[in-house]
Amino acid sequence: MTGYSRKITWFGTSLVLGCLISIFAVVNACEPHWIKHVYDCGEVIQLDDMSLWQVHGVDTGQTKGWKSGENVMFCGEQSTKRMRNVDKAENEQHWIHVESITPAGKYHVPSKNDCLLEKN
C-alpha cells in the first residue's frame, strides 16, 4: 500500500468514525434537570419543566427515595428516555427508565405523595 492510499484509507475511517460519534451524541443527548415533585411512592417524577414521567417497574425502588430539588441527568431519544439522580452517592446513581405522561388528562397529579400517607 502506498503512502497516498494509506492516507485515503485513514481519512475514510476517520470520517466514518466521526459520523458515528456525532449520531450517537445526538441520539443520546443528555440534559440536566431538577426534581419538582415525586408522586405515588416514586412511580411518577415531575421535573422543573413541569413534565411528568412514569417510572418503569422495579425502578420505583430507587425513585421512592428521591426528593424535590435533587438534580437529575435526563438522556435518550424520544421513545426511550432515562434519568439518573446525580445528587445521590455514586454507588446509588442508577439509570431509571421512564416514559412521558405529560399530555393533559393522561395522569391526575395527587395533592400529596401517597408514600407519606402509608401506615407502618
PDB file of N, CA and C in Angstrom:
ATOM      1  N   MET A   1       0.855  -1.175   0.000  1.00  0.00           N
ATOM      2  CA  MET A   1       0.000   0.000   0.000  1.00  0.00           C
ATOM      3  C   MET A   1       0.899   1.236   0.000  1.00  0.00           C
ATOM      4  N   THR A   2       0.619   2.142  -0.889  1.00  0.00           N
ATOM      5  CA  THR A   2       1.427   3.352  -0.995  1.00  0.00           C
ATOM      6  C   THR A   2       1.031   4.333   0.099  1.00  0.00           C
ATOM      7  N   GLY A   3       1.855   5.339   0.286  1.00  0.00           N
ATOM      8  CA  GLY A   3       1.583   6.365   1.298  1.00  0.00           C
ATOM      9  C   GLY A   3       0.292   7.111   1.018  1.00  0.00           C
ATOM     10  N   TYR A   4       0.024   7.342  -0.270  1.00  0.00           N
ATOM     11  CA  TYR A   4      -1.195   8.064  -0.652  1.00  0.00           C
ATOM     12  C   TYR A   4      -2.443   7.249  -0.310  1.00  0.00           C
ATOM     13  N   SER A   5      -2.451   5.951  -0.625  1.00  0.00           N
ATOM     14  CA  SER A   5      -3.630   5.131  -0.344  1.00  0.00           C
ATOM     15  C   SER A   5      -3.816   4.919   1.160  1.00  0.00           C
ATOM     16  N   ARG A   6      -2.716   4.911   1.935  1.00  0.00           N
ATOM     17  CA  ARG A   6      -2.857   4.830   3.397  1.00  0.00           C
ATOM     18  C   ARG A   6      -3.542   6.076   3.941  1.00  0.00           C
ATOM     19  N   LYS A   7      -3.189   7.233   3.390  1.00  0.00           N
ATOM     20  CA  LYS A   7      -3.814   8.486   3.828  1.00  0.00           C
ATOM     21  C   LYS A   7      -5.302   8.486   3.490  1.00  0.00           C
ATOM     22  N   ILE A   8      -5.666   8.000   2.298  1.00  0.00           N
ATOM     23  CA  ILE A   8      -7.074   7.937   1.886  1.00  0.00           C
ATOM     24  C   ILE A   8      -7.837   6.983   2.818  1.00  0.00           C
ATOM     25  N   THR A   9      -7.265   5.809   3.106  1.00  0.00           N
ATOM     26  CA  THR A   9      -7.908   4.831   3.991  1.00  0.00           C
ATOM     27  C   THR A   9      -8.072   5.424   5.388  1.00  0.00           C
ATOM     28  N   TRP A  10      -7.034   6.061   5.911  1.00  0.00           N
ATOM     29  CA  TRP A  10      -7.114   6.670   7.241  1.00  0.00           C
ATOM     30  C   TRP A  10      -8.185   7.759   7.271  1.00  0.00           C
ATOM     31  N   PHE A  11      -8.234   8.586   6.216  1.00  0.00           N
ATOM     32  CA  PHE A  11      -9.218   9.654   6.140  1.00  0.00           C
ATOM     33  C   PHE A  11     -10.636   9.080   6.103  1.00  0.00           C
ATOM     34  N   GLY A  12     -10.856   8.045   5.303  1.00  0.00           N
ATOM     35  CA  GLY A  12     -12.175   7.414   5.199  1.00  0.00           C
ATOM     36  C   GLY A  12     -12.611   6.811   6.524  1.00  0.00           C
ATOM     37  N   THR A  13     -11.710   6.134   7.213  1.00  0.00           N
ATOM     38  CA  THR A  13     -12.011   5.534   8.517  1.00  0.00           C
ATOM     39  C   THR A  13     -12.334   6.624   9.534  1.00  0.00           C
ATOM     40  N   SER A  14     -11.558   7.687   9.547  1.00  0.00           N
ATOM     41  CA  SER A  14     -11.794   8.799  10.469  1.00  0.00           C
ATOM     42  C   SER A  14     -13.144   9.457  10.216  1.00  0.00           C
ATOM     43  N   LEU A  15     -13.480   9.613   8.944  1.00  0.00           N
ATOM     44  CA  LEU A  15     -14.749  10.234   8.580  1.00  0.00           C
ATOM     45  C   LEU A  15     -15.931   9.391   9.055  1.00  0.00           C
ATOM     46  N   VAL A  16     -15.855   8.079   8.840  1.00  0.00           N
ATOM     47  CA  VAL A  16     -16.929   7.173   9.272  1.00  0.00           C
ATOM     48  C   VAL A  16     -17.055   7.193  10.794  1.00  0.00           C
ATOM     49  N   LEU A  17     -15.949   7.096  11.512  1.00  0.00           N
ATOM     50  CA  LEU A  17     -15.986   7.119  12.975  1.00  0.00           C
ATOM     51  C   LEU A  17     -16.541   8.444  13.498  1.00  0.00           C
ATOM     52  N   GLY A  18     -16.145   9.547  12.884  1.00  0.00           N
ATOM     53  CA  GLY A  18     -16.650  10.856  13.286  1.00  0.00           C
ATOM     54  C   GLY A  18     -18.154  10.959  13.119  1.00  0.00           C
ATOM     55  N   CYS A  19     -18.670  10.439  12.019  1.00  0.00           N
ATOM     56  CA  CYS A  19     -20.121  10.456  11.782  1.00  0.00           C
ATOM     57  C   CYS A  19     -20.855   9.607  12.808  1.00  0.00           C
ATOM     58  N   LEU A  20     -20.328   8.425  13.101  1.00  0.00           N
ATOM     59  CA  LEU A  20     -20.964   7.553  14.088  1.00  0.00           C
ATOM     60  C   LEU A  20     -20.992   8.195  15.470  1.00  0.00           C
ATOM     61  N   ILE A  21     -19.907   8.829  15.860  1.00  0.00           N
ATOM     62  CA  ILE A  21     -19.854   9.508  17.159  1.00  0.00           C
ATOM     63  C   ILE A  21     -20.858  10.647  17.194  1.00  0.00           C
ATOM     64  N   SER A  22     -20.966  11.417  16.117  1.00  0.00           N
ATOM     65  CA  SER A  22     -21.918  12.522  16.058  1.00  0.00           C
ATOM     66  C   SER A  22     -23.351  12.033  16.170  1.00  0.00           C
ATOM     67  N   ILE A  23     -23.679  10.960  15.460  1.00  0.00           N
ATOM     68  CA  ILE A  23     -25.034  10.396  15.521  1.00  0.00           C
ATOM     69  C   ILE A  23     -25.328   9.911  16.924  1.00  0.00           C
ATOM     70  N   PHE A  24     -24.387   9.198  17.550  1.00  0.00           N
ATOM     71  CA  PHE A  24     -24.580   8.698  18.907  1.00  0.00           C
ATOM     72  C   PHE A  24     -24.798   9.847  19.884  1.00  0.00           C
ATOM     73  N   ALA A  25     -24.066  10.931  19.736  1.00  0.00           N
ATOM     74  CA  ALA A  25     -24.192  12.084  20.633  1.00  0.00           C
ATOM     75  C   ALA A  25     -25.562  12.739  20.502  1.00  0.00           C
ATOM     76  N   VAL A  26     -26.086  12.844  19.283  1.00  0.00           N
ATOM     77  CA  VAL A  26     -27.397  13.456  19.074  1.00  0.00           C
ATOM     78  C   VAL A  26     -28.501  12.565  19.627  1.00  0.00           C
ATOM     79  N   VAL A  27     -28.439  11.269  19.331  1.00  0.00           N
ATOM     80  CA  VAL A  27     -29.467  10.326  19.773  1.00  0.00           C
ATOM     81  C   VAL A  27     -29.488  10.214  21.295  1.00  0.00           C
ATOM     82  N   ASN A  28     -28.346  10.231  21.923  1.00  0.00           N
ATOM     83  CA  ASN A  28     -28.256  10.045  23.367  1.00  0.00           C
ATOM     84  C   ASN A  28     -27.935  11.341  24.089  1.00  0.00           C
ATOM     85  N   ALA A  29     -28.405  12.449  23.577  1.00  0.00           N
ATOM     86  CA  ALA A  29     -28.139  13.736  24.201  1.00  0.00           C
ATOM     87  C   ALA A  29     -28.707  13.759  25.614  1.00  0.00           C
ATOM     88  N   CYS A  30     -27.972  14.351  26.520  1.00  0.00           N
ATOM     89  CA  CYS A  30     -28.400  14.451  27.919  1.00  0.00           C
ATOM     90  C   CYS A  30     -28.598  15.918  28.281  1.00  0.00           C
ATOM     91  N   GLU A  31     -29.520  16.143  29.185  1.00  0.00           N
ATOM     92  CA  GLU A  31     -29.741  17.496  29.665  1.00  0.00           C
ATOM     93  C   GLU A  31     -30.004  17.460  31.168  1.00  0.00           C
ATOM     94  N   PRO A  32     -29.500  18.446  31.895  1.00  0.00           N
ATOM     95  CA  PRO A  32     -29.715  18.488  33.346  1.00  0.00           C
ATOM     96  C   PRO A  32     -31.098  19.043  33.685  1.00  0.00           C
ATOM     97  N   HIS A  33     -31.695  18.498  34.718  1.00  0.00           N
ATOM     98  CA  HIS A  33     -32.972  18.977  35.256  1.00  0.00           C
ATOM     99  C   HIS A  33     -32.927  18.822  36.769  1.00  0.00           C
ATOM    100  N   TRP A  34     -33.945  19.316  37.444  1.00  0.00           N
ATOM    101  CA  TRP A  34     -34.100  19.044  38.873  1.00  0.00           C
ATOM    102  C   TRP A  34     -35.523  18.575  39.113  1.00  0.00           C
ATOM    103  N   ILE A  35     -35.684  17.836  40.196  1.00  0.00           N
ATOM    104  CA  ILE A  35     -36.976  17.228  40.525  1.00  0.00           C
ATOM    105  C   ILE A  35     -37.863  18.260  41.201  1.00  0.00           C
ATOM    106  N   LYS A  36     -39.047  18.457  40.640  1.00  0.00           N
ATOM    107  CA  LYS A  36     -40.029  19.342  41.250  1.00  0.00           C
ATOM    108  C   LYS A  36     -40.854  18.571  42.278  1.00  0.00           C
ATOM    109  N   HIS A  37     -41.343  17.377  41.916  1.00  0.00           N
ATOM    110  CA  HIS A  37     -42.125  16.539  42.834  1.00  0.00           C
ATOM    111  C   HIS A  37     -41.902  15.065  42.530  1.00  0.00           C
ATOM    112  N   VAL A  38     -42.079  14.231  43.549  1.00  0.00           N
ATOM    113  CA  VAL A  38     -42.101  12.776  43.402  1.00  0.00           C
ATOM    114  C   VAL A  38     -43.482  12.329  43.880  1.00  0.00           C
ATOM    115  N   TYR A  39     -44.225  11.613  43.029  1.00  0.00           N
ATOM    116  CA  TYR A  39     -45.584  11.184  43.343  1.00  0.00           C
ATOM    117  C   TYR A  39     -45.690   9.671  43.385  1.00  0.00           C
ATOM    118  N   ASP A  40     -46.728   9.197  44.055  1.00  0.00           N
ATOM    119  CA  ASP A  40     -47.090   7.765  44.083  1.00  0.00           C
ATOM    120  C   ASP A  40     -45.906   6.872  44.435  1.00  0.00           C
ATOM    121  N   CYS A  41     -45.255   7.178  45.531  1.00  0.00           N
ATOM    122  CA  CYS A  41     -44.137   6.357  46.030  1.00  0.00           C
ATOM    123  C   CYS A  41     -43.032   6.162  44.988  1.00  0.00           C
ATOM    124  N   GLY A  42     -42.748   7.198  44.216  1.00  0.00           N
ATOM    125  CA  GLY A  42     -41.677   7.138  43.228  1.00  0.00           C
ATOM    126  C   GLY A  42     -42.102   6.655  41.861  1.00  0.00           C
ATOM    127  N   GLU A  43     -43.390   6.406  41.648  1.00  0.00           N
ATOM    128  CA  GLU A  43     -43.852   5.928  40.341  1.00  0.00           C
ATOM    129  C   GLU A  43     -43.914   7.045  39.307  1.00  0.00           C
ATOM    130  N   VAL A  44     -44.067   8.292  39.764  1.00  0.00           N
ATOM    131  CA  VAL A  44     -44.151   9.428  38.858  1.00  0.00           C
ATOM    132  C   VAL A  44     -43.214  10.527  39.332  1.00  0.00           C
ATOM    133  N   ILE A  45     -42.419  11.061  38.408  1.00  0.00           N
ATOM    134  CA  ILE A  45     -41.479  12.142  38.702  1.00  0.00           C
ATOM    135  C   ILE A  45     -41.892  13.355  37.876  1.00  0.00           C
ATOM    136  N   GLN A  46     -42.001  14.507  38.530  1.00  0.00           N
ATOM    137  CA  GLN A  46     -42.250  15.757  37.813  1.00  0.00           C
ATOM    138  C   GLN A  46     -40.954  16.565  37.839  1.00  0.00           C
ATOM    139  N   LEU A  47     -40.518  17.013  36.660  1.00  0.00           N
ATOM    140  CA  LEU A  47     -39.284  17.784  36.556  1.00  0.00           C
ATOM    141  C   LEU A  47     -39.565  19.280  36.574  1.00  0.00           C
ATOM    142  N   ASP A  48     -38.501  20.064  36.641  1.00  0.00           N
ATOM    143  CA  ASP A  48     -38.598  21.520  36.722  1.00  0.00           C
ATOM    144  C   ASP A  48     -39.322  22.145  35.537  1.00  0.00           C
ATOM    145  N   ASP A  49     -39.349  21.465  34.392  1.00  0.00           N
ATOM    146  CA  ASP A  49     -40.049  21.992  33.217  1.00  0.00           C
ATOM    147  C   ASP A  49     -41.532  21.592  33.216  1.00  0.00           C
ATOM    148  N   MET A  50     -42.002  21.035  34.342  1.00  0.00           N
ATOM    149  CA  MET A  50     -43.384  20.605  34.574  1.00  0.00           C
ATOM    150  C   MET A  50     -43.735  19.309  33.844  1.00  0.00           C
ATOM    151  N   SER A  51     -42.791  18.655  33.179  1.00  0.00           N
ATOM    152  CA  SER A  51     -43.072  17.384  32.513  1.00  0.00           C
ATOM    153  C   SER A  51     -43.230  16.290  33.562  1.00  0.00           C
ATOM    154  N   LEU A  52     -44.100  15.322  33.270  1.00  0.00           N
ATOM    155  CA  LEU A  52     -44.354  14.183  34.157  1.00  0.00           C
ATOM    156  C   LEU A  52     -43.820  12.918  33.510  1.00  0.00           C
ATOM    157  N   TRP A  53     -43.167  12.068  34.319  1.00  0.00           N
ATOM    158  CA  TRP A  53     -42.528  10.868  33.807  1.00  0.00           C
ATOM    159  C   TRP A  53     -42.903   9.662  34.650  1.00  0.00           C
ATOM    160  N   GLN A  54     -43.449   8.628  33.999  1.00  0.00           N
ATOM    161  CA  GLN A  54     -43.794   7.367  34.645  1.00  0.00           C
ATOM    162  C   GLN A  54     -42.531   6.526  34.749  1.00  0.00           C
ATOM    163  N   VAL A  55     -42.212   6.064  35.952  1.00  0.00           N
ATOM    164  CA  VAL A  55     -41.028   5.239  36.177  1.00  0.00           C
ATOM    165  C   VAL A  55     -41.398   3.784  35.903  1.00  0.00           C
ATOM    166  N   HIS A  56     -40.534   3.069  35.206  1.00  0.00           N
ATOM    167  CA  HIS A  56     -40.800   1.677  34.848  1.00  0.00           C
ATOM    168  C   HIS A  56     -40.571   0.730  36.024  1.00  0.00           C
ATOM    169  N   GLY A  57     -41.561  -0.104  36.294  1.00  0.00           N
ATOM    170  CA  GLY A  57     -41.497  -1.249  37.198  1.00  0.00           C
ATOM    171  C   GLY A  57     -40.602  -1.178  38.410  1.00  0.00           C
ATOM    172  N   VAL A  58     -39.597  -2.046  38.430  1.00  0.00           N
ATOM    173  CA  VAL A  58     -38.735  -2.188  39.598  1.00  0.00           C
ATOM    174  C   VAL A  58     -37.895  -0.952  39.898  1.00  0.00           C
ATOM    175  N   ASP A  59     -37.798  -0.039  38.957  1.00  0.00           N
ATOM    176  CA  ASP A  59     -37.016   1.186  39.184  1.00  0.00           C
ATOM    177  C   ASP A  59     -37.627   2.062  40.276  1.00  0.00           C
ATOM    178  N   THR A  60     -38.904   1.830  40.620  1.00  0.00           N
ATOM    179  CA  THR A  60     -39.528   2.640  41.670  1.00  0.00           C
ATOM    180  C   THR A  60     -38.872   2.393  43.031  1.00  0.00           C
ATOM    181  N   GLY A  61     -38.187   1.280  43.180  1.00  0.00           N
ATOM    182  CA  GLY A  61     -37.431   1.042  44.409  1.00  0.00           C
ATOM    183  C   GLY A  61     -36.344   2.089  44.609  1.00  0.00           C
ATOM    184  N   GLN A  62     -35.794   2.590  43.501  1.00  0.00           N
ATOM    185  CA  GLN A  62     -34.783   3.648  43.555  1.00  0.00           C
ATOM    186  C   GLN A  62     -35.427   5.019  43.733  1.00  0.00           C
ATOM    187  N   THR A  63     -36.467   5.292  42.947  1.00  0.00           N
ATOM    188  CA  THR A  63     -37.043   6.636  42.920  1.00  0.00           C
ATOM    189  C   THR A  63     -37.909   6.955  44.130  1.00  0.00           C
ATOM    190  N   LYS A  64     -38.294   5.949  44.880  1.00  0.00           N
ATOM    191  CA  LYS A  64     -39.106   6.172  46.086  1.00  0.00           C
ATOM    192  C   LYS A  64     -38.389   7.112  47.053  1.00  0.00           C
ATOM    193  N   GLY A  65     -37.072   7.062  47.075  1.00  0.00           N
ATOM    194  CA  GLY A  65     -36.281   7.890  47.978  1.00  0.00           C
ATOM    195  C   GLY A  65     -35.831   9.221  47.397  1.00  0.00           C
ATOM    196  N   TRP A  66     -36.203   9.508  46.160  1.00  0.00           N
ATOM    197  CA  TRP A  66     -35.812  10.771  45.546  1.00  0.00           C
ATOM    198  C   TRP A  66     -36.625  11.908  46.137  1.00  0.00           C
ATOM    199  N   LYS A  67     -36.018  13.088  46.219  1.00  0.00           N
ATOM    200  CA  LYS A  67     -36.649  14.249  46.862  1.00  0.00           C
ATOM    201  C   LYS A  67     -36.727  15.442  45.916  1.00  0.00           C
ATOM    202  N   SER A  68     -37.691  16.309  46.189  1.00  0.00           N
ATOM    203  CA  SER A  68     -37.815  17.566  45.435  1.00  0.00           C
ATOM    204  C   SER A  68     -36.521  18.353  45.563  1.00  0.00           C
ATOM    205  N   GLY A  69     -36.106  18.972  44.473  1.00  0.00           N
ATOM    206  CA  GLY A  69     -34.898  19.791  44.474  1.00  0.00           C
ATOM    207  C   GLY A  69     -33.637  19.051  44.090  1.00  0.00           C
ATOM    208  N   GLU A  70     -33.670  17.714  44.068  1.00  0.00           N
ATOM    209  CA  GLU A  70     -32.483  16.965  43.677  1.00  0.00           C
ATOM    210  C   GLU A  70     -32.270  17.078  42.171  1.00  0.00           C
ATOM    211  N   ASN A  71     -31.011  17.013  41.762  1.00  0.00           N
ATOM    212  CA  ASN A  71     -30.637  17.152  40.354  1.00  0.00           C
ATOM    213  C   ASN A  71     -30.601  15.799  39.656  1.00  0.00           C
ATOM    214  N   VAL A  72     -31.108  15.777  38.430  1.00  0.00           N
ATOM    215  CA  VAL A  72     -31.075  14.557  37.627  1.00  0.00           C
ATOM    216  C   VAL A  72     -30.465  14.865  36.264  1.00  0.00           C
ATOM    217  N   MET A  73     -29.882  13.831  35.668  1.00  0.00           N
ATOM    218  CA  MET A  73     -29.419  13.902  34.288  1.00  0.00           C
ATOM    219  C   MET A  73     -30.437  13.109  33.484  1.00  0.00           C
ATOM    220  N   PHE A  74     -30.945  13.712  32.426  1.00  0.00           N
ATOM    221  CA  PHE A  74     -32.038  13.156  31.648  1.00  0.00           C
ATOM    222  C   PHE A  74     -31.527  12.898  30.237  1.00  0.00           C
ATOM    223  N   CYS A  75     -31.575  11.654  29.771  1.00  0.00           N
ATOM    224  CA  CYS A  75     -30.950  11.279  28.497  1.00  0.00           C
ATOM    225  C   CYS A  75     -31.855  10.403  27.642  1.00  0.00           C
ATOM    226  N   GLY A  76     -31.516  10.329  26.357  1.00  0.00           N
ATOM    227  CA  GLY A  76     -32.147   9.391  25.456  1.00  0.00           C
ATOM    228  C   GLY A  76     -32.857  10.036  24.301  1.00  0.00           C
ATOM    229  N   GLU A  77     -33.367   9.174  23.426  1.00  0.00           N
ATOM    230  CA  GLU A  77     -34.148   9.656  22.304  1.00  0.00           C
ATOM    231  C   GLU A  77     -35.612   9.711  22.733  1.00  0.00           C
ATOM    232  N   GLN A  78     -36.470  10.164  21.864  1.00  0.00           N
ATOM    233  CA  GLN A  78     -37.860  10.435  22.235  1.00  0.00           C
ATOM    234  C   GLN A  78     -38.575   9.211  22.799  1.00  0.00           C
ATOM    235  N   SER A  79     -38.359   8.034  22.233  1.00  0.00           N
ATOM    236  CA  SER A  79     -39.104   6.855  22.677  1.00  0.00           C
ATOM    237  C   SER A  79     -38.496   6.178  23.901  1.00  0.00           C
ATOM    238  N   THR A  80     -37.209   6.288  24.109  1.00  0.00           N
ATOM    239  CA  THR A  80     -36.566   5.638  25.251  1.00  0.00           C
ATOM    240  C   THR A  80     -35.789   6.661  26.061  1.00  0.00           C
ATOM    241  N   LYS A  81     -36.389   7.125  27.131  1.00  0.00           N
ATOM    242  CA  LYS A  81     -35.743   8.115  27.996  1.00  0.00           C
ATOM    243  C   LYS A  81     -35.287   7.427  29.284  1.00  0.00           C
ATOM    244  N   ARG A  82     -34.272   7.993  29.867  1.00  0.00           N
ATOM    245  CA  ARG A  82     -33.807   7.508  31.162  1.00  0.00           C
ATOM    246  C   ARG A  82     -33.251   8.679  31.944  1.00  0.00           C
ATOM    247  N   MET A  83     -33.270   8.544  33.259  1.00  0.00           N
ATOM    248  CA  MET A  83     -32.716   9.605  34.087  1.00  0.00           C
ATOM    249  C   MET A  83     -31.933   8.989  35.238  1.00  0.00           C
ATOM    250  N   ARG A  84     -31.060   9.810  35.792  1.00  0.00           N
ATOM    251  CA  ARG A  84     -30.203   9.383  36.898  1.00  0.00           C
ATOM    252  C   ARG A  84     -30.119  10.531  37.884  1.00  0.00           C
ATOM    253  N   ASN A  85     -30.284  10.228  39.157  1.00  0.00           N
ATOM    254  CA  ASN A  85     -30.197  11.239  40.213  1.00  0.00           C
ATOM    255  C   ASN A  85     -28.724  11.469  40.531  1.00  0.00           C
ATOM    256  N   VAL A  86     -28.189  12.613  40.126  1.00  0.00           N
ATOM    257  CA  VAL A  86     -26.766  12.887  40.305  1.00  0.00           C
ATOM    258  C   VAL A  86     -26.438  13.432  41.692  1.00  0.00           C
ATOM    259  N   ASP A  87     -27.466  13.683  42.511  1.00  0.00           N
ATOM    260  CA  ASP A  87     -27.219  14.127  43.882  1.00  0.00           C
ATOM    261  C   ASP A  87     -27.013  12.957  44.842  1.00  0.00           C
ATOM    262  N   LYS A  88     -27.264  11.737  44.390  1.00  0.00           N
ATOM    263  CA  LYS A  88     -27.057  10.552  45.223  1.00  0.00           C
ATOM    264  C   LYS A  88     -25.579  10.161  45.180  1.00  0.00           C
ATOM    265  N   ALA A  89     -25.170   9.350  46.152  1.00  0.00           N
ATOM    266  CA  ALA A  89     -23.799   8.842  46.167  1.00  0.00           C
ATOM    267  C   ALA A  89     -23.553   8.069  44.869  1.00  0.00           C
ATOM    268  N   GLU A  90     -22.315   8.055  44.419  1.00  0.00           N
ATOM    269  CA  GLU A  90     -22.002   7.445  43.124  1.00  0.00           C
ATOM    270  C   GLU A  90     -22.492   6.002  43.018  1.00  0.00           C
ATOM    271  N   ASN A  91     -22.403   5.220  44.093  1.00  0.00           N
ATOM    272  CA  ASN A  91     -22.872   3.827  44.034  1.00  0.00           C
ATOM    273  C   ASN A  91     -24.394   3.720  44.033  1.00  0.00           C
ATOM    274  N   GLU A  92     -25.111   4.832  44.226  1.00  0.00           N
ATOM    275  CA  GLU A  92     -26.575   4.845  44.189  1.00  0.00           C
ATOM    276  C   GLU A  92     -27.110   5.495  42.921  1.00  0.00           C
ATOM    277  N   GLN A  93     -26.228   5.867  41.994  1.00  0.00           N
ATOM    278  CA  GLN A  93     -26.649   6.540  40.756  1.00  0.00           C
ATOM    279  C   GLN A  93     -26.944   5.509  39.678  1.00  0.00           C
ATOM    280  N   HIS A  94     -28.174   5.018  39.660  1.00  0.00           N
ATOM    281  CA  HIS A  94     -28.598   4.040  38.667  1.00  0.00           C
ATOM    282  C   HIS A  94     -29.447   4.726  37.602  1.00  0.00           C
ATOM    283  N   TRP A  95     -29.365   4.248  36.371  1.00  0.00           N
ATOM    284  CA  TRP A  95     -30.215   4.775  35.309  1.00  0.00           C
ATOM    285  C   TRP A  95     -31.618   4.222  35.483  1.00  0.00           C
ATOM    286  N   ILE A  96     -32.592   5.109  35.471  1.00  0.00           N
ATOM    287  CA  ILE A  96     -34.001   4.775  35.634  1.00  0.00           C
ATOM    288  C   ILE A  96     -34.690   4.969  34.284  1.00  0.00           C
ATOM    289  N   HIS A  97     -35.449   3.979  33.833  1.00  0.00           N
ATOM    290  CA  HIS A  97     -36.175   4.095  32.570  1.00  0.00           C
ATOM    291  C   HIS A  97     -37.537   4.725  32.821  1.00  0.00           C
ATOM    292  N   VAL A  98     -37.873   5.723  32.002  1.00  0.00           N
ATOM    293  CA  VAL A  98     -39.110   6.483  32.190  1.00  0.00           C
ATOM    294  C   VAL A  98     -39.849   6.664  30.867  1.00  0.00           C
ATOM    295  N   GLU A  99     -41.142   6.943  30.987  1.00  0.00           N
ATOM    296  CA  GLU A  99     -41.994   7.212  29.828  1.00  0.00           C
ATOM    297  C   GLU A  99     -42.794   8.472  30.118  1.00  0.00           C
ATOM    298  N   SER A 100     -42.919   9.327  29.127  1.00  0.00           N
ATOM    299  CA  SER A 100     -43.638  10.581  29.300  1.00  0.00           C
ATOM    300  C   SER A 100     -45.125  10.347  29.513  1.00  0.00           C
ATOM    301  N   ILE A 101     -45.698  11.041  30.510  1.00  0.00           N
ATOM    302  CA  ILE A 101     -47.152  11.023  30.724  1.00  0.00           C
ATOM    303  C   ILE A 101     -47.646  12.463  30.840  1.00  0.00           C
ATOM    304  N   THR A 102     -46.919  13.380  30.211  1.00  0.00           N
ATOM    305  CA  THR A 102     -47.226  14.796  30.303  1.00  0.00           C
ATOM    306  C   THR A 102     -48.524  15.231  29.629  1.00  0.00           C
ATOM    307  N   PRO A 103     -48.961  14.656  28.510  1.00  0.00           N
ATOM    308  CA  PRO A 103     -50.178  15.185  27.877  1.00  0.00           C
ATOM    309  C   PRO A 103     -51.341  15.305  28.864  1.00  0.00           C
ATOM    310  N   ALA A 104     -52.052  16.407  28.749  1.00  0.00           N
ATOM    311  CA  ALA A 104     -53.152  16.692  29.676  1.00  0.00           C
ATOM    312  C   ALA A 104     -54.150  15.545  29.723  1.00  0.00           C
ATOM    313  N   GLY A 105     -54.586  15.221  30.930  1.00  0.00           N
ATOM    314  CA  GLY A 105     -55.604  14.203  31.113  1.00  0.00           C
ATOM    315  C   GLY A 105     -55.071  12.790  31.216  1.00  0.00           C
ATOM    316  N   LYS A 106     -53.784  12.568  30.933  1.00  0.00           N
ATOM    317  CA  LYS A 106     -53.240  11.216  30.995  1.00  0.00           C
ATOM    318  C   LYS A 106     -52.910  10.812  32.437  1.00  0.00           C
ATOM    319  N   TYR A 107     -52.679  11.786  33.296  1.00  0.00           N
ATOM    320  CA  TYR A 107     -52.332  11.482  34.682  1.00  0.00           C
ATOM    321  C   TYR A 107     -52.885  12.571  35.584  1.00  0.00           C
ATOM    322  N   HIS A 108     -53.531  12.156  36.657  1.00  0.00           N
ATOM    323  CA  HIS A 108     -54.036  13.116  37.634  1.00  0.00           C
ATOM    324  C   HIS A 108     -53.006  13.241  38.756  1.00  0.00           C
ATOM    325  N   VAL A 109     -52.446  14.427  38.928  1.00  0.00           N
ATOM    326  CA  VAL A 109     -51.423  14.645  39.949  1.00  0.00           C
ATOM    327  C   VAL A 109     -52.095  14.672  41.321  1.00  0.00           C
ATOM    328  N   PRO A 110     -51.680  13.785  42.230  1.00  0.00           N
ATOM    329  CA  PRO A 110     -52.282  13.781  43.569  1.00  0.00           C
ATOM    330  C   PRO A 110     -51.880  15.017  44.364  1.00  0.00           C
ATOM    331  N   SER A 111     -52.678  15.350  45.373  1.00  0.00           N
ATOM    332  CA  SER A 111     -52.364  16.529  46.174  1.00  0.00           C
ATOM    333  C   SER A 111     -51.205  16.262  47.134  1.00  0.00           C
ATOM    334  N   LYS A 112     -50.982  15.006  47.514  1.00  0.00           N
ATOM    335  CA  LYS A 112     -49.889  14.646  48.417  1.00  0.00           C
ATOM    336  C   LYS A 112     -49.229  13.371  47.916  1.00  0.00           C
ATOM    337  N   ASN A 113     -47.991  13.169  48.329  1.00  0.00           N
ATOM    338  CA  ASN A 113     -47.286  11.946  47.988  1.00  0.00           C
ATOM    339  C   ASN A 113     -47.871  10.809  48.819  1.00  0.00           C
ATOM    340  N   ASP A 114     -48.411   9.778  48.151  1.00  0.00           N
ATOM    341  CA  ASP A 114     -49.050   8.666  48.846  1.00  0.00           C
ATOM    342  C   ASP A 114     -48.107   7.964  49.827  1.00  0.00           C
ATOM    343  N   CYS A 115     -46.806   7.991  49.590  1.00  0.00           N
ATOM    344  CA  CYS A 115     -45.869   7.324  50.491  1.00  0.00           C
ATOM    345  C   CYS A 115     -45.916   7.934  51.883  1.00  0.00           C
ATOM    346  N   LEU A 116     -46.198   9.228  51.965  1.00  0.00           N
ATOM    347  CA  LEU A 116     -46.261   9.883  53.265  1.00  0.00           C
ATOM    348  C   LEU A 116     -47.504   9.462  54.035  1.00  0.00           C
ATOM    349  N   LEU A 117     -48.492   8.902  53.345  1.00  0.00           N
ATOM    350  CA  LEU A 117     -49.730   8.513  53.986  1.00  0.00           C
ATOM    351  C   LEU A 117     -49.777   7.038  54.346  1.00  0.00           C
ATOM    352  N   GLU A 118     -48.746   6.277  53.955  1.00  0.00           N
ATOM    353  CA  GLU A 118     -48.732   4.843  54.252  1.00  0.00           C
ATOM    354  C   GLU A 118     -48.592   4.599  55.740  1.00  0.00           C
ATOM    355  N   LYS A 119     -49.273   3.533  56.224  1.00  0.00           N
ATOM    356  CA  LYS A 119     -49.176   3.147  57.639  1.00  0.00           C
ATOM    357  C   LYS A 119     -48.159   2.036  57.766  1.00  0.00           C
ATOM    358  N   ASN A 120     -47.424   2.042  58.870  1.00  0.00           N
ATOM    359  CA  ASN A 120     -46.412   1.013  59.106  1.00  0.00           C
ATOM    360  C   ASN A 120     -47.037  -0.241  59.642  1.00  0.00           C
TER     361      ASN A 120
END
